[in-house]
Amino acid sequence: MEIIGSAFWFLVAVGILVTFHEFGHFIVARKMGVKVLRFSVGFGRVLWSRTDRHGTEFALAAIPLGGYVKMLDEREADVPADQAQYAFNNKSLGARSAIVAAGPIFNLIFTGFAYWAMFVVGIYEFSPVLGQLDGPAAQAGFNKGERIVAIDEQPVRNWSEVMLELVPRSYQQDSVSVAVERDDGGRAVRRLLLQTEDGKALDEARILDQLGLQPWHRNPDVIVRSVVEDSPAERAGLAARDRIIAVNAVPTPSYEEFKAALQAQAKANDGALQLRVVRDGNEQSIAVKARSVQVESGEVVWQIGMYYELYTELQRYGLLESFPKSLRESWRVTTGSLTMLYHMLIGNASLKNLAGPITIAEIANVSAQNGLSDFLRFLALISLSLAIVNLLPIPVLDGGHLLYYFIEWVKGSPLSEQAQTVGLFIGLAMIIGMMGLAFYNDIARQLS
């Protein structure tokens, strides 16, 4: 089922993003007076088609791994003299450039829209609260429970933003300034060395572990966030901010161990529990009588009626308020992605960061299972990646065509067909190489 889910959501994502990309080419071509012969979603055998009054065939094809827009072009087929003015190749340099650039630009527009929708729907993020510390982080003086609020004076609100700020800096800086908020509400600024304990370069895939910055939610203490009204926990006097360290003398250093101990001890003692808690720095025991509840699966579980603190925050805003936030998020992710790409090209960042369809499909499935907001964020990231990749100056990509047009603008005439053919083969070789590396990375991740 996992494979089916991954394949399904991958195809959904590809269908949405490629259709939007090709729609950009299509709508601008129409505006520029180019006749569009076909707008196809998918490749191969046509399953369904309809032709509009402009003579454009809209088609749904059998292989849903992309799409294309076919325009009238004298380089591809004979064009009647009375139709020559509608051919792509006869349009001005500016018009052709606009049509080619429209695909990536529409992907950027979709990225902003997806982030806007994500903020309107609302998304839960893990707050950048520190858990267990070791290595460089412990040596720098960080403490468990502190919250990261800025990196090099750049504000951060969650662990995703922490990663987005840390990783690019690890390629070009020896250290970074990290501002934290302490438990008592005070602030401190500490200098964190961007290297492993033995002085080696960081691996961006394991950067938090290597720096000793363990996020709280990976292995959280059992801290009560709130108790349910008229529940066993409330009647027993359990309160917010209590830290539960044992259940019937069984240590519970993490929430997973607390859940296991609660179920086992409640079952063995007919719900009678003795919780050892830390409140305001002092330990005390609280007796709780858990109640048994039958869940939808038919299983009987024991509950005391409490929510534990995971340090998650809901980011949800109004229709208008979400607009500037989506622009800021788009800009933040774009600059981070371009920085990562630059360092990959010059050899500072590992090419292992290049993900292929297997990894993307797995992420698509996980994000879809996590809800609409997570899937919207996934679509935004992939749409942005499509825009960036398509703008690379590689022949066969949109960026390669724009490079040809730039050369045409500089020299005053188009490149020769021979030069364009050589460029085409070079571009194909580069694309095949990138795809091969991405597939290799995917398989290596599966085997690791």
Protein backbone atom coordinates (compact mmCIF):
# COMPACT_ATOMS: atom_id res chain seq x y z
CA MET A 1 0.00 0.00 0.00
CA GLU A 2 2.91 2.34 0.72
CA ILE A 3 4.19 1.92 -2.85
CA ILE A 4 0.72 2.48 -4.32
CA GLY A 5 0.20 5.59 -2.19
CA SER A 6 3.60 7.00 -3.17
CA ALA A 7 2.95 6.38 -6.87
CA PHE A 8 -0.54 7.89 -6.70
CA TRP A 9 0.43 11.10 -4.92
CA PHE A 10 3.53 11.47 -7.10
CA LEU A 11 1.34 11.37 -10.21
CA VAL A 12 -1.12 13.82 -8.65
CA ALA A 13 1.72 16.25 -7.90
CA VAL A 14 3.28 15.87 -11.36
CA GLY A 15 -0.12 16.30 -13.01
CA ILE A 16 -0.87 19.52 -11.14
CA LEU A 17 2.55 21.13 -11.51
CA VAL A 18 3.27 20.18 -15.12
CA THR A 19 -0.21 21.27 -16.20
CA PHE A 20 0.31 24.64 -14.54
CA HIS A 21 3.78 24.95 -16.12
CA GLU A 22 2.49 24.14 -19.60
CA PHE A 23 -0.50 26.42 -19.10
CA GLY A 24 2.00 29.26 -18.67
CA HIS A 25 3.50 28.52 -22.10
CA PHE A 26 0.02 28.09 -23.59
CA ILE A 27 -1.63 31.27 -22.32
CA VAL A 28 1.33 33.54 -23.17
CA ALA A 29 1.65 31.94 -26.63
CA ARG A 30 -2.02 32.75 -27.23
CA LYS A 31 -1.46 36.35 -26.06
CA MET A 32 1.50 36.69 -28.42
CA GLY A 33 -0.54 35.52 -31.41
CA VAL A 34 1.01 32.06 -31.76
CA LYS A 35 -1.29 29.26 -32.85
CA VAL A 36 -1.24 26.41 -30.32
CA LEU A 37 -1.89 23.06 -31.99
CA ARG A 38 -2.07 20.87 -28.89
CA PHE A 39 -2.09 21.17 -25.11
CA SER A 40 -1.40 17.68 -23.75
CA VAL A 41 -1.37 16.45 -20.19
CA GLY A 42 0.70 13.27 -20.36
CA PHE A 43 2.51 11.56 -23.21
CA GLY A 44 1.74 8.70 -25.56
CA ARG A 45 -1.63 7.46 -26.73
CA VAL A 46 -4.42 10.04 -26.45
CA LEU A 47 -7.20 8.86 -24.11
CA TRP A 48 -9.44 11.91 -24.48
CA SER A 49 -9.31 15.09 -26.52
CA ARG A 50 -11.35 18.14 -27.41
CA THR A 51 -10.66 20.87 -29.97
CA ASP A 52 -11.67 24.44 -29.22
CA ARG A 53 -12.74 27.20 -31.63
CA HIS A 54 -9.10 28.33 -32.03
CA GLY A 55 -8.12 24.93 -33.38
CA THR A 56 -6.23 23.87 -30.25
CA GLU A 57 -6.56 20.22 -29.27
CA PHE A 58 -6.70 19.67 -25.51
CA ALA A 59 -5.61 16.08 -24.83
CA LEU A 60 -5.25 13.67 -21.92
CA ALA A 61 -2.62 11.03 -22.73
CA ALA A 62 -1.84 7.59 -21.34
CA ILE A 63 1.53 8.27 -19.67
CA PRO A 64 0.93 10.82 -16.86
CA LEU A 65 4.57 11.81 -16.38
CA GLY A 66 4.55 15.29 -17.85
CA GLY A 67 2.93 17.20 -20.66
CA TYR A 68 3.65 19.57 -23.50
CA VAL A 69 2.37 22.43 -25.62
CA LYS A 70 2.79 22.05 -29.39
CA MET A 71 2.82 25.29 -31.35
CA LEU A 72 2.74 26.07 -35.05
CA ASP A 73 6.40 26.23 -36.14
CA GLU A 74 7.95 26.24 -39.61
CA ARG A 75 11.00 24.34 -38.29
CA GLU A 76 8.84 21.34 -37.46
CA ALA A 77 6.37 21.15 -40.35
CA ASP A 78 5.24 22.96 -43.47
CA VAL A 79 3.07 25.96 -42.65
CA PRO A 80 0.59 27.42 -45.18
CA ALA A 81 1.49 30.94 -46.26
CA ASP A 82 -1.68 32.40 -44.77
CA GLN A 83 -0.77 30.85 -41.38
CA ALA A 84 2.91 31.89 -41.30
CA GLN A 85 2.19 34.94 -39.14
CA TYR A 86 0.93 32.62 -36.39
CA ALA A 87 4.09 30.45 -36.32
CA PHE A 88 6.28 30.57 -33.22
CA ASN A 89 9.52 30.95 -35.17
CA ASN A 90 8.21 34.08 -36.91
CA LYS A 91 7.53 35.97 -33.69
CA SER A 92 9.84 38.62 -32.33
CA LEU A 93 12.70 37.73 -30.00
CA GLY A 94 10.85 39.30 -27.09
CA ALA A 95 7.68 37.33 -27.79
CA ARG A 96 9.54 34.02 -28.05
CA SER A 97 11.44 34.74 -24.85
CA ALA A 98 8.22 35.57 -23.00
CA ILE A 99 6.56 32.35 -24.15
CA VAL A 100 9.52 30.20 -23.07
CA ALA A 101 9.95 31.99 -19.73
CA ALA A 102 6.23 31.73 -18.94
CA GLY A 103 6.44 28.07 -17.83
CA PRO A 104 8.97 28.61 -15.02
CA ILE A 105 7.31 31.90 -14.09
CA PHE A 106 3.96 30.15 -13.69
CA ASN A 107 5.68 27.59 -11.44
CA LEU A 108 6.92 30.47 -9.28
CA ILE A 109 3.39 31.89 -9.20
CA PHE A 110 2.06 28.49 -8.15
CA THR A 111 4.70 28.34 -5.39
CA GLY A 112 3.41 31.60 -3.93
CA PHE A 113 -0.20 30.47 -4.27
CA ALA A 114 0.51 27.14 -2.54
CA TYR A 115 2.19 28.90 0.39
CA TRP A 116 -0.70 31.35 0.57
CA ALA A 117 -3.22 28.48 0.70
CA MET A 118 -1.06 26.69 3.28
CA PHE A 119 -1.17 29.70 5.62
CA VAL A 120 -4.92 30.16 5.09
CA VAL A 121 -5.62 26.50 5.92
CA GLY A 122 -3.08 26.55 8.76
CA ILE A 123 -0.07 24.35 9.36
CA TYR A 124 1.45 22.97 12.54
CA GLU A 125 5.19 23.51 12.91
CA PHE A 126 7.63 22.21 15.50
CA SER A 127 8.97 25.11 17.53
CA PRO A 128 12.79 25.26 17.56
CA VAL A 129 13.08 24.14 21.19
CA LEU A 130 16.27 22.30 22.15
CA GLY A 131 16.23 18.79 23.58
CA GLN A 132 19.26 16.76 24.68
CA LEU A 133 22.52 18.46 23.74
CA ASP A 134 26.04 17.23 23.08
CA GLY A 135 29.03 17.96 20.86
CA PRO A 136 29.58 21.54 19.62
CA ALA A 137 26.16 22.72 20.91
CA ALA A 138 26.87 21.58 24.47
CA GLN A 139 30.37 23.09 24.32
CA ALA A 140 28.88 26.41 23.16
CA GLY A 141 26.72 26.53 26.31
CA PHE A 142 23.27 25.76 24.94
CA ASN A 143 20.77 24.30 27.41
CA LYS A 144 17.86 21.91 27.10
CA GLY A 145 14.52 23.72 26.81
CA GLU A 146 15.94 26.87 25.21
CA ARG A 147 14.22 28.11 22.07
CA ILE A 148 16.20 29.28 19.03
CA VAL A 149 14.82 32.63 17.91
CA ALA A 150 17.42 33.85 15.38
CA ILE A 151 20.46 32.71 13.40
CA ASP A 152 22.88 35.47 12.41
CA GLU A 153 20.08 37.89 13.35
CA GLN A 154 17.69 36.19 10.89
CA PRO A 155 14.48 35.34 12.84
CA VAL A 156 13.38 31.69 12.81
CA ARG A 157 10.02 30.29 13.92
CA ASN A 158 10.40 26.53 13.46
CA TRP A 159 12.94 23.78 12.80
CA SER A 160 12.44 24.00 9.03
CA GLU A 161 13.60 27.61 9.09
CA VAL A 162 16.51 26.69 11.38
CA MET A 163 17.68 24.17 8.76
CA LEU A 164 17.16 26.66 5.95
CA GLU A 165 19.44 29.15 7.71
CA LEU A 166 22.05 26.70 9.04
CA VAL A 167 22.77 24.54 6.01
CA PRO A 168 23.82 27.29 3.53
CA ARG A 169 25.98 28.94 6.20
CA SER A 170 27.77 25.66 6.89
CA TYR A 171 29.30 25.85 3.38
CA GLN A 172 30.84 29.28 3.78
CA GLN A 173 31.21 30.11 7.49
CA ASP A 174 33.25 28.64 10.34
CA SER A 175 30.69 29.61 12.94
CA VAL A 176 27.24 31.11 13.34
CA SER A 177 25.55 33.40 15.87
CA VAL A 178 22.52 31.75 17.49
CA ALA A 179 20.09 33.74 19.65
CA VAL A 180 17.99 31.73 22.11
CA GLU A 181 15.19 32.42 24.55
CA ARG A 182 15.71 30.87 27.98
CA ASP A 183 13.09 29.26 30.22
CA ASP A 184 13.05 32.39 32.40
CA GLY A 185 12.16 34.57 29.39
CA GLY A 186 15.63 36.07 29.05
CA ARG A 187 17.68 35.96 25.86
CA ALA A 188 21.22 34.90 25.13
CA VAL A 189 23.42 34.89 22.03
CA ARG A 190 25.94 32.09 21.59
CA ARG A 191 28.54 31.28 18.95
CA LEU A 192 28.20 27.82 17.42
CA LEU A 193 31.13 26.29 15.52
CA LEU A 194 29.98 24.82 12.20
CA GLN A 195 32.09 21.68 12.32
CA THR A 196 32.08 18.27 13.95
CA GLU A 197 33.82 17.59 17.28
CA ASP A 198 36.87 16.26 15.42
CA GLY A 199 36.96 19.34 13.18
CA LYS A 200 35.59 17.72 10.03
CA ALA A 201 33.15 19.34 7.59
CA LEU A 202 29.45 18.88 8.24
CA ASP A 203 27.20 16.54 6.30
CA GLU A 204 24.08 18.59 5.52
CA ALA A 205 21.91 15.48 5.83
CA ARG A 206 23.02 15.03 9.48
CA ILE A 207 23.88 18.60 10.40
CA LEU A 208 21.74 18.79 13.56
CA ASP A 209 23.11 15.52 14.92
CA GLN A 210 26.68 16.53 14.16
CA LEU A 211 26.22 19.88 15.87
CA GLY A 212 24.50 18.24 18.84
CA LEU A 213 21.32 20.27 18.33
CA GLN A 214 18.72 17.65 19.21
CA PRO A 215 15.19 18.98 18.57
CA TRP A 216 12.90 18.62 21.58
CA HIS A 217 10.23 16.71 19.68
CA ARG A 218 12.58 13.88 18.68
CA ASN A 219 12.76 12.54 22.23
CA PRO A 220 10.66 14.84 24.41
CA ASP A 221 10.33 14.88 28.17
CA VAL A 222 6.79 14.17 29.33
CA ILE A 223 5.60 17.68 30.16
CA VAL A 224 1.88 18.27 30.68
CA ARG A 225 0.53 20.91 28.31
CA SER A 226 -3.04 20.76 29.59
CA VAL A 227 -5.53 18.43 31.28
CA VAL A 228 -9.03 17.53 30.12
CA GLU A 229 -11.89 18.95 32.20
CA ASP A 230 -13.36 16.42 34.67
CA SER A 231 -10.74 13.81 33.73
CA PRO A 232 -8.76 11.52 36.06
CA ALA A 233 -5.75 13.82 35.58
CA GLU A 234 -7.69 16.93 36.63
CA ARG A 235 -9.30 15.22 39.63
CA ALA A 236 -5.89 13.97 40.77
CA GLY A 237 -4.43 17.49 40.64
CA LEU A 238 -2.10 17.08 37.65
CA ALA A 239 -1.30 20.53 36.25
CA ALA A 240 0.18 22.18 33.19
CA ARG A 241 4.01 22.26 33.15
CA ASP A 242 4.26 19.18 35.41
CA ARG A 243 7.06 16.89 34.17
CA ILE A 244 6.25 13.20 34.63
CA ILE A 245 9.41 11.19 35.33
CA ALA A 246 7.97 7.83 36.45
CA VAL A 247 4.79 5.72 36.44
CA ASN A 248 4.54 3.26 39.37
CA ALA A 249 8.33 3.58 39.83
CA VAL A 250 8.96 2.83 36.11
CA PRO A 251 11.17 5.66 34.73
CA THR A 252 9.65 7.58 31.79
CA PRO A 253 12.40 9.76 30.26
CA SER A 254 10.45 10.11 26.99
CA TYR A 255 6.84 10.18 25.87
CA GLU A 256 7.12 6.83 24.09
CA GLU A 257 8.28 5.21 27.33
CA PHE A 258 5.53 7.03 29.25
CA LYS A 259 2.83 5.66 26.92
CA ALA A 260 4.16 2.12 27.24
CA ALA A 261 4.47 2.35 31.03
CA LEU A 262 0.99 3.88 31.44
CA GLN A 263 -0.70 1.11 29.43
CA ALA A 264 1.25 -1.71 31.08
CA GLN A 265 0.90 -0.43 34.64
CA ALA A 266 -2.77 0.53 34.30
CA LYS A 267 -3.61 -2.89 32.89
CA ALA A 268 -1.69 -4.67 35.66
CA ASN A 269 -3.18 -2.56 38.47
CA ASP A 270 -6.76 -2.00 37.26
CA GLY A 271 -5.99 1.63 36.42
CA ALA A 272 -4.26 2.55 39.70
CA LEU A 273 -1.22 4.70 38.93
CA GLN A 274 1.32 6.58 41.01
CA LEU A 275 2.86 9.34 38.92
CA ARG A 276 6.19 10.85 39.96
CA VAL A 277 6.25 14.45 38.75
CA VAL A 278 8.53 17.45 38.97
CA ARG A 279 6.71 20.70 39.74
CA ASP A 280 8.56 23.99 40.22
CA GLY A 281 11.80 22.06 40.73
CA ASN A 282 10.40 19.74 43.41
CA GLU A 283 9.46 16.07 43.04
CA GLN A 284 6.13 14.78 44.28
CA SER A 285 3.80 11.80 43.80
CA ILE A 286 0.29 12.05 42.40
CA ALA A 287 -2.18 9.15 42.51
CA VAL A 288 -4.33 8.81 39.38
CA LYS A 289 -7.06 6.30 38.58
CA ALA A 290 -6.88 5.73 34.80
CA ARG A 291 -10.02 4.80 32.90
CA SER A 292 -10.30 2.18 30.16
CA VAL A 293 -11.71 3.21 26.77
CA GLN A 294 -12.50 1.08 23.73
CA VAL A 295 -11.26 2.77 20.56
CA GLU A 296 -12.56 2.35 16.99
CA SER A 297 -10.25 -0.60 16.29
CA GLY A 298 -11.84 -2.49 19.20
CA GLU A 299 -8.69 -2.26 21.32
CA VAL A 300 -9.02 -1.25 24.98
CA VAL A 301 -6.65 1.55 26.03
CA TRP A 302 -6.11 3.35 29.32
CA GLN A 303 -6.40 7.14 29.51
CA ILE A 304 -5.90 9.77 32.19
CA GLY A 305 -7.00 12.83 30.18
CA MET A 306 -3.90 14.92 29.52
CA TYR A 307 -2.14 16.49 26.56
CA TYR A 308 1.63 16.56 26.58
CA GLU A 309 3.83 19.40 25.37
CA LEU A 310 5.33 18.85 21.93
CA TYR A 311 6.06 22.52 21.29
CA THR A 312 3.99 22.71 18.12
CA GLU A 313 2.46 25.95 16.92
CA LEU A 314 -0.38 26.47 14.45
CA GLN A 315 0.44 29.06 11.82
CA ARG A 316 -2.87 30.19 10.38
CA TYR A 317 -3.70 33.62 8.99
CA GLY A 318 -6.49 35.45 7.17
CA LEU A 319 -6.84 35.72 3.40
CA LEU A 320 -5.08 39.08 3.17
CA GLU A 321 -2.55 38.49 5.96
CA SER A 322 -1.41 35.26 4.29
CA PHE A 323 -0.37 37.09 1.12
CA PRO A 324 2.77 38.89 2.40
CA LYS A 325 3.66 35.82 4.48
CA SER A 326 3.52 33.62 1.38
CA LEU A 327 5.81 36.05 -0.46
CA ARG A 328 8.31 36.04 2.40
CA GLU A 329 8.23 32.25 2.60
CA SER A 330 8.68 31.95 -1.18
CA TRP A 331 11.65 34.31 -1.05
CA ARG A 332 13.21 32.50 1.92
CA VAL A 333 12.94 29.07 0.30
CA THR A 334 14.06 30.37 -3.12
CA THR A 335 17.23 31.98 -1.78
CA GLY A 336 17.97 28.88 0.29
CA SER A 337 17.48 26.59 -2.72
CA LEU A 338 19.64 28.75 -4.99
CA THR A 339 22.38 28.86 -2.36
CA MET A 340 22.26 25.08 -2.07
CA LEU A 341 22.40 24.71 -5.88
CA TYR A 342 25.36 27.09 -6.11
CA HIS A 343 27.33 25.16 -3.51
CA MET A 344 26.49 21.87 -5.22
CA LEU A 345 27.84 23.26 -8.51
CA ILE A 346 31.11 24.47 -6.98
CA GLY A 347 31.57 21.27 -4.98
CA ASN A 348 30.93 22.52 -1.44
CA ALA A 349 27.62 20.69 -1.05
CA SER A 350 27.21 16.98 -1.63
CA LEU A 351 25.47 15.83 -4.80
CA LYS A 352 23.63 13.39 -2.53
CA ASN A 353 21.14 16.23 -2.04
CA LEU A 354 19.84 15.63 -5.56
CA ALA A 355 16.63 13.64 -5.12
CA GLY A 356 14.98 11.51 -7.79
CA PRO A 357 11.42 10.35 -8.41
CA ILE A 358 11.52 7.59 -5.77
CA THR A 359 12.39 9.98 -2.96
CA ILE A 360 9.97 12.61 -4.26
CA ALA A 361 7.18 10.02 -4.44
CA GLU A 362 7.82 8.93 -0.85
CA ILE A 363 7.73 12.53 0.37
CA ALA A 364 4.56 13.15 -1.65
CA ASN A 365 2.85 10.22 0.08
CA VAL A 366 3.96 11.25 3.58
CA SER A 367 2.92 14.87 3.05
CA ALA A 368 -0.48 13.82 1.69
CA GLN A 369 -1.05 11.57 4.70
CA ASN A 370 -0.18 14.48 7.01
CA GLY A 371 -2.97 16.62 5.59
CA LEU A 372 -3.72 19.33 3.07
CA SER A 373 -1.31 21.90 4.53
CA ASP A 374 1.68 19.58 4.36
CA PHE A 375 0.79 18.57 0.80
CA LEU A 376 0.49 22.23 -0.22
CA ARG A 377 3.96 22.88 1.19
CA PHE A 378 5.30 19.87 -0.71
CA LEU A 379 3.72 21.16 -3.94
CA ALA A 380 5.25 24.60 -3.33
CA LEU A 381 8.74 23.13 -2.90
CA ILE A 382 8.49 20.90 -5.98
CA SER A 383 7.01 23.73 -8.07
CA LEU A 384 9.90 25.97 -7.03
CA SER A 385 12.38 23.22 -7.88
CA LEU A 386 10.80 22.82 -11.32
CA ALA A 387 11.11 26.55 -11.93
CA ILE A 388 14.78 26.62 -10.90
CA VAL A 389 15.74 23.49 -12.86
CA ASN A 390 13.90 24.67 -15.98
CA LEU A 391 15.73 28.00 -15.88
CA LEU A 392 19.17 26.36 -15.87
CA PRO A 393 21.01 27.34 -19.09
CA ILE A 394 20.96 23.77 -20.41
CA PRO A 395 19.78 23.17 -23.98
CA VAL A 396 16.44 21.26 -24.14
CA LEU A 397 15.32 23.09 -20.97
CA ASP A 398 13.54 26.46 -21.00
CA GLY A 399 16.72 28.08 -19.68
CA GLY A 400 18.66 26.68 -22.62
CA HIS A 401 16.25 28.26 -25.09
CA LEU A 402 16.54 31.55 -23.23
CA LEU A 403 20.33 31.25 -23.50
CA TYR A 404 19.99 30.83 -27.28
CA TYR A 405 17.76 33.90 -27.41
CA PHE A 406 20.27 35.90 -25.39
CA ILE A 407 23.03 34.93 -27.84
CA GLU A 408 20.71 35.88 -30.71
CA TRP A 409 20.12 39.27 -29.10
CA VAL A 410 23.86 39.86 -28.62
CA LYS A 411 24.99 38.79 -32.12
CA GLY A 412 21.92 40.05 -33.95
CA SER A 413 21.05 36.73 -35.57
CA PRO A 414 20.04 33.25 -34.40
CA LEU A 415 22.57 30.53 -33.72
CA SER A 416 23.15 28.22 -36.64
CA GLU A 417 21.17 24.99 -36.76
CA GLN A 418 24.44 23.07 -36.42
CA ALA A 419 25.35 24.91 -33.21
CA GLN A 420 21.87 24.37 -31.82
CA THR A 421 22.06 20.65 -32.66
CA VAL A 422 25.40 20.33 -30.83
CA GLY A 423 23.89 22.16 -27.88
CA LEU A 424 20.91 19.80 -27.95
CA PHE A 425 23.13 16.73 -27.63
CA ILE A 426 25.15 18.35 -24.85
CA GLY A 427 21.94 19.25 -23.04
CA LEU A 428 20.54 15.74 -23.40
CA ALA A 429 23.77 14.28 -22.01
CA MET A 430 23.62 16.64 -19.02
CA ILE A 431 19.95 15.83 -18.33
CA ILE A 432 20.57 12.08 -18.60
CA GLY A 433 23.54 12.47 -16.25
CA MET A 434 21.45 14.40 -13.70
CA MET A 435 18.65 11.85 -13.89
CA GLY A 436 21.11 8.98 -13.50
CA LEU A 437 22.65 10.60 -10.43
CA ALA A 438 19.21 11.26 -8.94
CA PHE A 439 18.18 7.62 -9.47
CA TYR A 440 21.48 6.47 -7.95
CA ASN A 441 20.88 8.65 -4.88
CA ASP A 442 17.35 7.25 -4.56
CA ILE A 443 18.55 3.66 -4.67
CA ALA A 444 21.42 4.41 -2.26
CA ARG A 445 18.91 5.90 0.22
CA GLN A 446 16.73 2.80 -0.06
CA LEU A 447 19.69 0.50 0.66
CA SER A 448 21.19 2.57 3.47
